[in-house]
N, C-alpha and C. Protein backbone atom coordinates (compact mmCIF):
# COMPACT_ATOMS: atom_id res chain seq x y z
N MET A 1 156.54 135.83 134.52
CA MET A 1 157.20 134.59 134.13
C MET A 1 157.49 134.66 132.63
N THR A 2 158.70 134.28 132.24
CA THR A 2 159.09 134.32 130.83
C THR A 2 158.76 133.00 130.15
N LEU A 3 158.83 133.01 128.82
CA LEU A 3 158.58 131.79 128.05
C LEU A 3 159.59 130.71 128.44
N GLU A 4 160.85 131.12 128.62
CA GLU A 4 161.88 130.15 128.99
C GLU A 4 161.55 129.47 130.31
N GLU A 5 161.01 130.23 131.26
CA GLU A 5 160.65 129.65 132.55
C GLU A 5 159.47 128.70 132.41
N LEU A 6 158.55 129.02 131.49
CA LEU A 6 157.39 128.16 131.30
C LEU A 6 157.75 126.83 130.66
N VAL A 7 158.63 126.86 129.65
CA VAL A 7 158.95 125.63 128.93
C VAL A 7 160.10 124.86 129.55
N SER A 8 160.86 125.49 130.43
CA SER A 8 161.98 124.81 131.05
C SER A 8 161.47 123.86 132.13
N CYS A 9 161.81 122.59 131.97
CA CYS A 9 161.38 121.58 132.94
C CYS A 9 162.58 120.93 133.61
N SER A 10 163.76 121.41 133.31
CA SER A 10 164.97 120.77 133.82
C SER A 10 165.17 121.09 135.29
N THR A 11 165.45 120.07 136.05
CA THR A 11 165.78 120.26 137.46
C THR A 11 167.28 120.53 137.57
N ASP A 12 167.69 121.05 138.71
CA ASP A 12 169.12 121.28 138.92
C ASP A 12 169.90 119.98 138.85
N THR A 13 169.32 118.90 139.34
CA THR A 13 169.97 117.59 139.31
C THR A 13 170.14 117.12 137.87
N GLU A 14 169.10 117.26 137.08
CA GLU A 14 169.18 116.86 135.67
C GLU A 14 170.22 117.69 134.93
N MET A 15 170.23 119.00 135.19
CA MET A 15 171.19 119.89 134.53
C MET A 15 172.62 119.52 134.91
N GLN A 16 172.86 119.23 136.19
CA GLN A 16 174.21 118.84 136.62
C GLN A 16 174.61 117.52 135.98
N SER A 17 173.66 116.60 135.85
CA SER A 17 173.94 115.33 135.21
C SER A 17 174.35 115.53 133.75
N VAL A 18 173.66 116.41 133.05
CA VAL A 18 174.00 116.71 131.65
C VAL A 18 175.38 117.35 131.58
N CYS A 19 175.68 118.27 132.50
CA CYS A 19 177.00 118.90 132.54
C CYS A 19 178.10 117.86 132.77
N ASP A 20 177.86 116.95 133.71
CA ASP A 20 178.84 115.89 133.99
C ASP A 20 179.03 115.00 132.77
N CYS A 21 177.93 114.62 132.12
CA CYS A 21 178.02 113.78 130.93
C CYS A 21 178.77 114.50 129.81
N LEU A 22 178.48 115.79 129.63
CA LEU A 22 179.18 116.56 128.60
C LEU A 22 180.68 116.59 128.87
N GLU A 23 181.05 116.81 130.12
CA GLU A 23 182.48 116.81 130.45
C GLU A 23 183.12 115.47 130.14
N GLU A 24 182.44 114.37 130.46
CA GLU A 24 182.97 113.03 130.17
C GLU A 24 183.10 112.79 128.67
N VAL A 25 182.09 113.22 127.92
CA VAL A 25 182.14 113.07 126.46
C VAL A 25 183.33 113.84 125.90
N LEU A 26 183.52 115.07 126.35
CA LEU A 26 184.62 115.89 125.84
C LEU A 26 185.98 115.32 126.22
N LYS A 27 186.11 114.82 127.45
CA LYS A 27 187.39 114.21 127.87
C LYS A 27 187.69 112.96 127.04
N ALA A 28 186.68 112.11 126.85
CA ALA A 28 186.89 110.88 126.08
C ALA A 28 187.23 111.21 124.63
N ALA A 29 186.53 112.18 124.06
CA ALA A 29 186.81 112.56 122.68
C ALA A 29 188.21 113.16 122.55
N ARG A 30 188.62 113.95 123.53
CA ARG A 30 189.97 114.52 123.52
C ARG A 30 191.01 113.40 123.56
N ASP A 31 190.80 112.42 124.45
CA ASP A 31 191.75 111.32 124.59
C ASP A 31 191.82 110.47 123.33
N GLN A 32 190.71 110.37 122.59
CA GLN A 32 190.66 109.57 121.36
C GLN A 32 190.91 110.42 120.12
N GLU A 33 191.30 111.68 120.33
CA GLU A 33 191.58 112.62 119.23
C GLU A 33 190.40 112.76 118.28
N ARG A 34 189.20 112.94 118.88
CA ARG A 34 187.99 113.12 118.09
C ARG A 34 187.38 114.50 118.29
N LEU A 35 188.19 115.47 118.71
CA LEU A 35 187.71 116.84 118.90
C LEU A 35 188.24 117.75 117.82
N THR A 36 187.40 118.64 117.36
CA THR A 36 187.83 119.75 116.52
C THR A 36 187.52 121.00 117.33
N VAL A 37 188.55 121.80 117.58
CA VAL A 37 188.42 122.95 118.46
C VAL A 37 188.68 124.22 117.67
N GLY A 38 187.79 125.20 117.82
CA GLY A 38 187.95 126.50 117.17
C GLY A 38 186.84 126.74 116.16
N VAL A 39 186.45 128.00 116.05
CA VAL A 39 185.35 128.37 115.16
C VAL A 39 185.70 128.07 113.71
N TYR A 40 186.85 128.51 113.24
CA TYR A 40 187.22 128.31 111.84
C TYR A 40 187.41 126.84 111.50
N GLU A 41 188.12 126.13 112.38
CA GLU A 41 188.35 124.70 112.15
C GLU A 41 187.02 123.94 112.12
N SER A 42 186.11 124.31 113.00
CA SER A 42 184.80 123.64 113.05
C SER A 42 183.99 123.92 111.79
N ALA A 43 184.01 125.17 111.33
CA ALA A 43 183.27 125.50 110.11
C ALA A 43 183.85 124.74 108.92
N LYS A 44 185.16 124.61 108.87
CA LYS A 44 185.78 123.85 107.77
C LYS A 44 185.35 122.39 107.81
N LEU A 45 185.36 121.77 109.00
CA LEU A 45 184.96 120.36 109.11
C LEU A 45 183.48 120.19 108.76
N MET A 46 182.63 121.09 109.25
CA MET A 46 181.19 120.97 108.95
C MET A 46 180.93 121.13 107.47
N ASN A 47 181.74 121.91 106.78
CA ASN A 47 181.59 122.07 105.34
C ASN A 47 182.11 120.85 104.59
N ALA A 48 183.21 120.27 105.07
CA ALA A 48 183.85 119.16 104.37
C ALA A 48 183.23 117.80 104.70
N ASP A 49 182.93 117.54 105.97
CA ASP A 49 182.46 116.22 106.38
C ASP A 49 181.46 116.30 107.53
N PRO A 50 180.28 116.84 107.29
CA PRO A 50 179.32 117.01 108.39
C PRO A 50 178.80 115.69 108.96
N ASP A 51 178.84 114.63 108.18
CA ASP A 51 178.33 113.34 108.66
C ASP A 51 179.20 112.72 109.75
N SER A 52 180.44 113.19 109.89
CA SER A 52 181.32 112.63 110.92
C SER A 52 181.08 113.28 112.28
N VAL A 53 180.32 114.36 112.33
CA VAL A 53 180.12 115.11 113.57
C VAL A 53 178.88 114.61 114.30
N VAL A 54 179.03 114.33 115.60
CA VAL A 54 177.89 113.87 116.41
C VAL A 54 177.43 114.88 117.45
N LEU A 55 178.28 115.88 117.76
CA LEU A 55 177.90 116.88 118.75
C LEU A 55 178.66 118.16 118.48
N CYS A 56 177.93 119.28 118.59
CA CYS A 56 178.53 120.60 118.45
C CYS A 56 178.30 121.36 119.75
N VAL A 57 179.37 121.91 120.32
CA VAL A 57 179.29 122.68 121.55
C VAL A 57 179.70 124.12 121.21
N LEU A 58 178.76 125.03 121.35
CA LEU A 58 179.02 126.45 121.12
C LEU A 58 179.22 127.10 122.48
N VAL A 59 180.40 127.67 122.71
CA VAL A 59 180.75 128.20 124.02
C VAL A 59 180.76 129.72 123.95
N CYS A 60 179.93 130.32 124.79
CA CYS A 60 179.80 131.78 124.75
C CYS A 60 179.51 132.29 126.15
N ASP A 61 180.49 132.95 126.74
CA ASP A 61 180.28 133.58 128.03
C ASP A 61 179.63 134.95 127.82
N GLU A 62 179.23 135.57 128.89
CA GLU A 62 178.51 136.85 128.82
C GLU A 62 179.28 137.91 128.05
N GLU A 63 180.60 137.96 128.23
CA GLU A 63 181.40 138.99 127.56
C GLU A 63 181.49 138.76 126.05
N ASP A 64 181.18 137.55 125.58
CA ASP A 64 181.23 137.24 124.15
C ASP A 64 179.91 137.53 123.43
N GLU A 65 178.85 137.78 124.18
CA GLU A 65 177.52 137.98 123.58
C GLU A 65 177.48 139.14 122.60
N CYS A 66 178.32 140.16 122.81
CA CYS A 66 178.31 141.35 121.94
C CYS A 66 179.29 141.25 120.78
N ASP A 67 179.99 140.13 120.67
CA ASP A 67 180.95 139.94 119.58
C ASP A 67 180.18 139.54 118.32
N VAL A 68 179.95 140.52 117.44
CA VAL A 68 179.12 140.32 116.26
C VAL A 68 179.71 139.26 115.33
N ALA A 69 181.02 139.31 115.13
CA ALA A 69 181.67 138.34 114.24
C ALA A 69 181.48 136.91 114.78
N LEU A 70 181.65 136.74 116.08
CA LEU A 70 181.47 135.42 116.68
C LEU A 70 180.03 134.94 116.52
N GLN A 71 179.07 135.82 116.72
CA GLN A 71 177.67 135.44 116.59
C GLN A 71 177.33 135.06 115.14
N ILE A 72 177.95 135.72 114.17
CA ILE A 72 177.75 135.36 112.76
C ILE A 72 178.31 133.97 112.49
N HIS A 73 179.48 133.68 113.03
CA HIS A 73 180.06 132.34 112.88
C HIS A 73 179.17 131.29 113.54
N PHE A 74 178.64 131.60 114.72
CA PHE A 74 177.73 130.68 115.39
C PHE A 74 176.51 130.40 114.53
N THR A 75 175.98 131.43 113.88
CA THR A 75 174.81 131.25 113.01
C THR A 75 175.14 130.30 111.87
N LEU A 76 176.30 130.47 111.26
CA LEU A 76 176.73 129.59 110.17
C LEU A 76 176.88 128.15 110.66
N ILE A 77 177.53 127.98 111.79
CA ILE A 77 177.75 126.63 112.33
C ILE A 77 176.42 125.99 112.73
N ARG A 78 175.52 126.77 113.34
CA ARG A 78 174.19 126.23 113.69
C ARG A 78 173.45 125.78 112.44
N ALA A 79 173.56 126.55 111.36
CA ALA A 79 172.90 126.16 110.11
C ALA A 79 173.47 124.84 109.59
N PHE A 80 174.79 124.69 109.61
CA PHE A 80 175.42 123.43 109.20
C PHE A 80 174.89 122.28 110.06
N CYS A 81 174.84 122.50 111.38
CA CYS A 81 174.40 121.45 112.30
C CYS A 81 172.95 121.07 112.06
N CYS A 82 172.09 122.05 111.87
CA CYS A 82 170.68 121.76 111.62
C CYS A 82 170.51 120.98 110.33
N GLU A 83 171.24 121.37 109.30
CA GLU A 83 171.16 120.68 108.01
C GLU A 83 171.64 119.23 108.11
N ALA A 84 172.68 119.00 108.94
CA ALA A 84 173.26 117.66 109.05
C ALA A 84 172.63 116.85 110.19
N GLY A 85 171.74 117.45 110.96
CA GLY A 85 171.11 116.72 112.07
C GLY A 85 172.04 116.49 113.25
N VAL A 86 172.95 117.41 113.48
CA VAL A 86 173.92 117.29 114.57
C VAL A 86 173.35 117.94 115.83
N ASP A 87 173.45 117.24 116.96
CA ASP A 87 173.03 117.81 118.24
C ASP A 87 173.94 118.96 118.61
N MET A 88 173.32 120.01 119.17
CA MET A 88 174.05 121.21 119.58
C MET A 88 173.75 121.55 121.02
N LEU A 89 174.74 122.10 121.69
CA LEU A 89 174.58 122.66 123.02
C LEU A 89 175.23 124.03 123.05
N ARG A 90 174.58 124.96 123.69
CA ARG A 90 175.20 126.26 123.93
C ARG A 90 175.65 126.26 125.39
N VAL A 91 176.92 126.52 125.60
CA VAL A 91 177.52 126.36 126.93
C VAL A 91 178.17 127.67 127.36
N SER A 92 177.99 128.02 128.61
CA SER A 92 178.79 129.09 129.20
C SER A 92 179.68 128.44 130.25
N GLY A 93 180.78 129.09 130.54
CA GLY A 93 181.75 128.52 131.48
C GLY A 93 183.05 128.18 130.77
N MET A 94 183.58 129.16 130.03
CA MET A 94 184.80 128.95 129.23
C MET A 94 185.98 128.50 130.10
N ARG A 95 186.12 129.07 131.28
CA ARG A 95 187.25 128.71 132.15
C ARG A 95 187.17 127.24 132.55
N ARG A 96 185.97 126.78 132.93
CA ARG A 96 185.80 125.38 133.32
C ARG A 96 186.07 124.47 132.12
N LEU A 97 185.59 124.87 130.96
CA LEU A 97 185.81 124.07 129.75
C LEU A 97 187.30 123.95 129.44
N ALA A 98 188.03 125.05 129.56
CA ALA A 98 189.48 125.01 129.32
C ALA A 98 190.15 124.05 130.30
N THR A 99 189.69 124.04 131.55
CA THR A 99 190.23 123.13 132.56
C THR A 99 189.92 121.68 132.19
N VAL A 100 188.69 121.41 131.81
CA VAL A 100 188.27 120.05 131.45
C VAL A 100 189.11 119.52 130.28
N LEU A 101 189.34 120.38 129.29
CA LEU A 101 190.07 119.95 128.09
C LEU A 101 191.59 120.05 128.24
N GLY A 102 192.05 120.68 129.31
CA GLY A 102 193.49 120.86 129.48
C GLY A 102 194.07 121.79 128.44
N GLU A 103 193.28 122.78 128.02
CA GLU A 103 193.70 123.73 126.99
C GLU A 103 194.02 125.07 127.63
N PRO A 104 194.93 125.82 127.02
CA PRO A 104 195.17 127.17 127.53
C PRO A 104 193.95 128.05 127.29
N ARG A 105 193.67 128.95 128.19
CA ARG A 105 192.50 129.83 128.12
C ARG A 105 192.54 130.70 126.86
N GLU A 106 193.73 130.97 126.32
CA GLU A 106 193.86 131.83 125.15
C GLU A 106 193.40 131.15 123.87
N ARG A 107 193.33 129.85 123.85
CA ARG A 107 192.94 129.12 122.65
C ARG A 107 191.46 129.37 122.35
N ASP A 108 191.12 129.39 121.08
CA ASP A 108 189.73 129.60 120.66
C ASP A 108 188.92 128.35 120.99
N LEU A 109 188.17 128.41 122.08
CA LEU A 109 187.32 127.29 122.50
C LEU A 109 185.85 127.60 122.27
N HIS A 110 185.55 128.56 121.41
CA HIS A 110 184.16 128.97 121.22
C HIS A 110 183.32 127.93 120.50
N CYS A 111 183.95 127.06 119.75
CA CYS A 111 183.21 125.98 119.09
C CYS A 111 184.02 124.70 119.18
N ILE A 112 183.35 123.63 119.60
CA ILE A 112 184.00 122.33 119.72
C ILE A 112 183.09 121.30 119.06
N LEU A 113 183.66 120.54 118.15
CA LEU A 113 182.92 119.45 117.50
C LEU A 113 183.46 118.12 117.98
N VAL A 114 182.55 117.20 118.24
CA VAL A 114 182.92 115.83 118.59
C VAL A 114 182.57 114.98 117.38
N THR A 115 183.56 114.25 116.87
CA THR A 115 183.32 113.39 115.71
C THR A 115 182.93 111.99 116.16
N SER A 116 182.50 111.19 115.21
CA SER A 116 181.94 109.87 115.49
C SER A 116 182.83 109.04 116.38
N PRO A 117 182.27 108.49 117.44
CA PRO A 117 183.05 107.63 118.34
C PRO A 117 183.18 106.23 117.75
N GLN A 118 184.23 105.53 118.18
CA GLN A 118 184.38 104.14 117.76
C GLN A 118 183.24 103.30 118.33
N ALA A 119 182.87 103.56 119.54
CA ALA A 119 181.76 102.85 120.18
C ALA A 119 180.87 103.88 120.84
N GLU A 120 179.58 103.70 120.70
CA GLU A 120 178.63 104.64 121.30
C GLU A 120 178.79 104.64 122.81
N ARG A 121 178.88 105.82 123.39
CA ARG A 121 179.07 105.94 124.83
C ARG A 121 177.78 106.36 125.49
N GLU A 122 177.57 105.91 126.69
CA GLU A 122 176.36 106.24 127.45
C GLU A 122 176.23 107.75 127.66
N GLU A 123 177.35 108.43 127.94
CA GLU A 123 177.31 109.87 128.19
C GLU A 123 176.85 110.62 126.95
N LEU A 124 177.34 110.21 125.78
CA LEU A 124 176.92 110.87 124.54
C LEU A 124 175.42 110.69 124.33
N GLY A 125 174.92 109.51 124.67
CA GLY A 125 173.48 109.26 124.58
C GLY A 125 172.69 110.16 125.50
N ALA A 126 173.20 110.39 126.71
CA ALA A 126 172.52 111.26 127.67
C ALA A 126 172.49 112.70 127.17
N VAL A 127 173.58 113.16 126.60
CA VAL A 127 173.63 114.52 126.06
C VAL A 127 172.68 114.62 124.86
N GLY A 128 172.67 113.61 124.00
CA GLY A 128 171.77 113.60 122.85
C GLY A 128 170.31 113.62 123.26
N ARG A 129 169.97 112.85 124.30
CA ARG A 129 168.59 112.85 124.81
C ARG A 129 168.20 114.22 125.33
N TYR A 130 169.12 114.87 126.03
CA TYR A 130 168.86 116.20 126.54
C TYR A 130 168.60 117.18 125.39
N CYS A 131 169.40 117.07 124.34
CA CYS A 131 169.21 117.93 123.16
C CYS A 131 167.85 117.67 122.52
N SER A 132 167.48 116.41 122.38
CA SER A 132 166.18 116.06 121.80
C SER A 132 165.02 116.58 122.64
N GLU A 133 165.12 116.40 123.96
CA GLU A 133 164.07 116.89 124.85
C GLU A 133 163.96 118.41 124.78
N SER A 134 165.09 119.09 124.65
CA SER A 134 165.07 120.55 124.56
C SER A 134 164.41 121.01 123.26
N ARG A 135 164.65 120.26 122.17
CA ARG A 135 163.98 120.60 120.91
C ARG A 135 162.47 120.51 121.05
N THR A 136 161.97 119.50 121.77
CA THR A 136 160.52 119.35 121.93
C THR A 136 159.95 120.45 122.81
N ARG A 137 160.80 121.08 123.65
CA ARG A 137 160.35 122.19 124.49
C ARG A 137 160.66 123.54 123.84
N ASN A 138 161.03 123.51 122.54
CA ASN A 138 161.36 124.72 121.79
C ASN A 138 162.52 125.50 122.38
N GLN A 139 163.48 124.81 122.97
CA GLN A 139 164.71 125.42 123.46
C GLN A 139 165.84 124.95 122.55
N TRP A 140 166.11 125.69 121.49
CA TRP A 140 167.13 125.25 120.56
C TRP A 140 168.04 126.38 120.22
N PRO A 141 169.33 126.24 120.35
CA PRO A 141 169.98 125.13 121.03
C PRO A 141 169.84 125.27 122.54
N PRO A 142 169.82 124.14 123.24
CA PRO A 142 169.72 124.19 124.70
C PRO A 142 170.98 124.81 125.30
N CYS A 143 170.81 125.51 126.40
CA CYS A 143 171.92 126.19 127.06
C CYS A 143 172.21 125.55 128.41
N ILE A 144 173.49 125.34 128.69
CA ILE A 144 173.90 124.84 129.99
C ILE A 144 175.09 125.67 130.46
N THR A 145 175.35 125.63 131.76
CA THR A 145 176.47 126.34 132.34
C THR A 145 177.37 125.36 133.06
N LEU A 146 178.66 125.40 132.71
CA LEU A 146 179.66 124.59 133.40
C LEU A 146 180.23 125.43 134.54
N HIS A 147 180.06 124.96 135.76
CA HIS A 147 180.51 125.71 136.93
C HIS A 147 181.88 125.24 137.37
N GLU A 148 182.65 126.17 137.88
CA GLU A 148 183.97 125.84 138.44
C GLU A 148 183.80 124.89 139.61
N ARG A 149 184.74 124.00 139.80
CA ARG A 149 184.70 123.05 140.92
C ARG A 149 185.90 123.24 141.80
């Protein structure tokens, strides 16, 4: 048994609920033009105005794991997020994410920032709680997988 298996307490139902909430948060943020998409754009925003960011989604499928440049960018963005107290999620399922956002698959979707909402949404709270619970279980950033439907 690995450490991840020992500290992981998430049920499949809880994980699916977090995935559903994340999708709703991203759709609402897209509709309200509160998304910053792309590694470079996200790094620029985190450097310029980190207080406006409420959620960072780092998207990395298995084939991206060996991309050294991408992993260096992720390290920089994670450092910005930790310094600013921004919740982070590591997500696999780039194709599903592109479908949810209505973006072409060719676009850089490796990093997505959600900026401050006009009104706090229940889904954002659920994702934030999941991030907080994962921190207490030493799973940082927490990882989820978006499955095709």
